[in-house]
């Protein structure tokens, strides 16, 4: 990845599995990462891991099956990331 680009990414299911793996990979490239998941404790732990790489993590508790929660999470991301 080019080092002069500002990278931002939003990942649903960011608490574990593929979502966590994607977040940690992007964290290596000075990325602003928004993580959404139902499990806030796992999100907090993942944010610490991301920040160890020098990237910035934003976490949002969100159930993607709930349209209202998704909209709130999206709006929060737009304001902060």
C-alpha atoms as a PDB file:
ATOM      1  CA  UNK A   1       0.000   0.000   0.000  1.00  0.00           C
ATOM      2  CA  UNK A   2       1.179   3.507  -0.749  1.00  0.00           C
ATOM      3  CA  UNK A   3       2.310   5.221   2.431  1.00  0.00           C
ATOM      4  CA  UNK A   4       0.957   8.687   1.588  1.00  0.00           C
ATOM      5  CA  UNK A   5      -2.707   7.675   1.464  1.00  0.00           C
ATOM      6  CA  UNK A   6      -5.144   8.209   4.314  1.00  0.00           C
ATOM      7  CA  UNK A   7      -6.887   4.895   4.840  1.00  0.00           C
ATOM      8  CA  UNK A   8     -10.200   4.428   6.588  1.00  0.00           C
ATOM      9  CA  UNK A   9     -12.089   1.203   6.892  1.00  0.00           C
ATOM     10  CA  UNK A  10     -15.299   0.095   8.579  1.00  0.00           C
ATOM     11  CA  UNK A  11     -15.542  -3.563   9.544  1.00  0.00           C
ATOM     12  CA  UNK A  12     -18.684  -5.298  10.731  1.00  0.00           C
ATOM     13  CA  UNK A  13     -18.140  -8.388  12.846  1.00  0.00           C
ATOM     14  CA  UNK A  14     -14.896  -6.852  14.035  1.00  0.00           C
ATOM     15  CA  UNK A  15     -14.767  -8.669  17.350  1.00  0.00           C
ATOM     16  CA  UNK A  16     -13.529 -12.041  16.101  1.00  0.00           C
ATOM     17  CA  UNK A  17     -12.832 -14.301  13.148  1.00  0.00           C
ATOM     18  CA  UNK A  18     -12.436 -12.819   9.692  1.00  0.00           C
ATOM     19  CA  UNK A  19     -13.408  -9.311  10.815  1.00  0.00           C
ATOM     20  CA  UNK A  20     -10.712  -9.269  13.493  1.00  0.00           C
ATOM     21  CA  UNK A  21      -8.137 -10.686  11.071  1.00  0.00           C
ATOM     22  CA  UNK A  22      -8.940  -8.031   8.462  1.00  0.00           C
ATOM     23  CA  UNK A  23      -8.690  -5.286  11.083  1.00  0.00           C
ATOM     24  CA  UNK A  24      -5.304  -6.476  12.306  1.00  0.00           C
ATOM     25  CA  UNK A  25      -3.966  -6.704   8.756  1.00  0.00           C
ATOM     26  CA  UNK A  26      -5.066  -3.140   7.927  1.00  0.00           C
ATOM     27  CA  UNK A  27      -3.656  -1.943  11.277  1.00  0.00           C
ATOM     28  CA  UNK A  28      -0.178  -2.568   9.884  1.00  0.00           C
ATOM     29  CA  UNK A  29      -0.704   0.264   7.369  1.00  0.00           C
ATOM     30  CA  UNK A  30      -1.529   3.305   9.523  1.00  0.00           C
ATOM     31  CA  UNK A  31      -5.274   2.981   9.059  1.00  0.00           C
ATOM     32  CA  UNK A  32      -8.248   4.478  10.857  1.00  0.00           C
ATOM     33  CA  UNK A  33     -10.393   1.428  11.630  1.00  0.00           C
ATOM     34  CA  UNK A  34     -14.010   1.466  12.763  1.00  0.00           C
ATOM     35  CA  UNK A  35     -15.098  -1.848  14.274  1.00  0.00           C
ATOM     36  CA  UNK A  36     -18.738  -2.805  14.740  1.00  0.00           C
ATOM     37  CA  UNK A  37     -19.904  -5.819  16.704  1.00  0.00           C
ATOM     38  CA  UNK A  38     -22.286  -6.863  19.442  1.00  0.00           C
ATOM     39  CA  UNK A  39     -19.444  -7.805  21.818  1.00  0.00           C
ATOM     40  CA  UNK A  40     -18.056  -4.546  23.205  1.00  0.00           C
ATOM     41  CA  UNK A  41     -15.462  -6.259  25.406  1.00  0.00           C
ATOM     42  CA  UNK A  42     -13.874  -8.037  22.448  1.00  0.00           C
ATOM     43  CA  UNK A  43     -13.966  -4.782  20.492  1.00  0.00           C
ATOM     44  CA  UNK A  44     -12.074  -3.027  23.280  1.00  0.00           C
ATOM     45  CA  UNK A  45      -9.416  -5.736  23.267  1.00  0.00           C
ATOM     46  CA  UNK A  46      -9.098  -5.577  19.482  1.00  0.00           C
ATOM     47  CA  UNK A  47      -8.795  -1.791  19.597  1.00  0.00           C
ATOM     48  CA  UNK A  48      -5.789  -2.173  21.902  1.00  0.00           C
ATOM     49  CA  UNK A  49      -4.188  -4.611  19.457  1.00  0.00           C
ATOM     50  CA  UNK A  50      -4.829  -2.266  16.526  1.00  0.00           C
ATOM     51  CA  UNK A  51      -3.322   0.680  18.358  1.00  0.00           C
ATOM     52  CA  UNK A  52      -0.164  -1.338  19.096  1.00  0.00           C
ATOM     53  CA  UNK A  53       0.448  -1.221  15.330  1.00  0.00           C
ATOM     54  CA  UNK A  54       0.119   2.573  15.382  1.00  0.00           C
ATOM     55  CA  UNK A  55      -3.310   2.697  13.770  1.00  0.00           C
ATOM     56  CA  UNK A  56      -6.399   4.278  15.310  1.00  0.00           C
ATOM     57  CA  UNK A  57      -9.407   2.163  16.307  1.00  0.00           C
ATOM     58  CA  UNK A  58     -12.983   3.336  16.832  1.00  0.00           C
ATOM     59  CA  UNK A  59     -15.415   0.849  18.318  1.00  0.00           C
ATOM     60  CA  UNK A  60     -19.191   0.712  18.163  1.00  0.00           C
ATOM     61  CA  UNK A  61     -21.493  -1.820  19.743  1.00  0.00           C
ATOM     62  CA  UNK A  62     -23.948  -2.711  17.023  1.00  0.00           C
ATOM     63  CA  UNK A  63     -26.158  -5.621  15.985  1.00  0.00           C
ATOM     64  CA  UNK A  64     -26.173  -5.546  12.177  1.00  0.00           C
ATOM     65  CA  UNK A  65     -29.538  -7.313  12.122  1.00  0.00           C
ATOM     66  CA  UNK A  66     -31.028  -4.185  13.747  1.00  0.00           C
ATOM     67  CA  UNK A  67     -31.440  -1.467  11.101  1.00  0.00           C
ATOM     68  CA  UNK A  68     -31.650   1.329  13.678  1.00  0.00           C
ATOM     69  CA  UNK A  69     -28.389   0.270  15.360  1.00  0.00           C
ATOM     70  CA  UNK A  70     -26.664   0.092  11.980  1.00  0.00           C
ATOM     71  CA  UNK A  71     -27.783   3.616  11.130  1.00  0.00           C
ATOM     72  CA  UNK A  72     -26.559   4.942  14.486  1.00  0.00           C
ATOM     73  CA  UNK A  73     -23.218   3.173  14.021  1.00  0.00           C
ATOM     74  CA  UNK A  74     -22.860   4.508  10.480  1.00  0.00           C
ATOM     75  CA  UNK A  75     -23.634   8.068  11.542  1.00  0.00           C
ATOM     76  CA  UNK A  76     -21.174   7.861  14.429  1.00  0.00           C
ATOM     77  CA  UNK A  77     -18.473   6.591  12.084  1.00  0.00           C
ATOM     78  CA  UNK A  78     -19.042   9.433   9.643  1.00  0.00           C
ATOM     79  CA  UNK A  79     -18.568  11.954  12.452  1.00  0.00           C
ATOM     80  CA  UNK A  80     -15.416  10.427  13.947  1.00  0.00           C
ATOM     81  CA  UNK A  81     -13.540   8.554  11.227  1.00  0.00           C
END
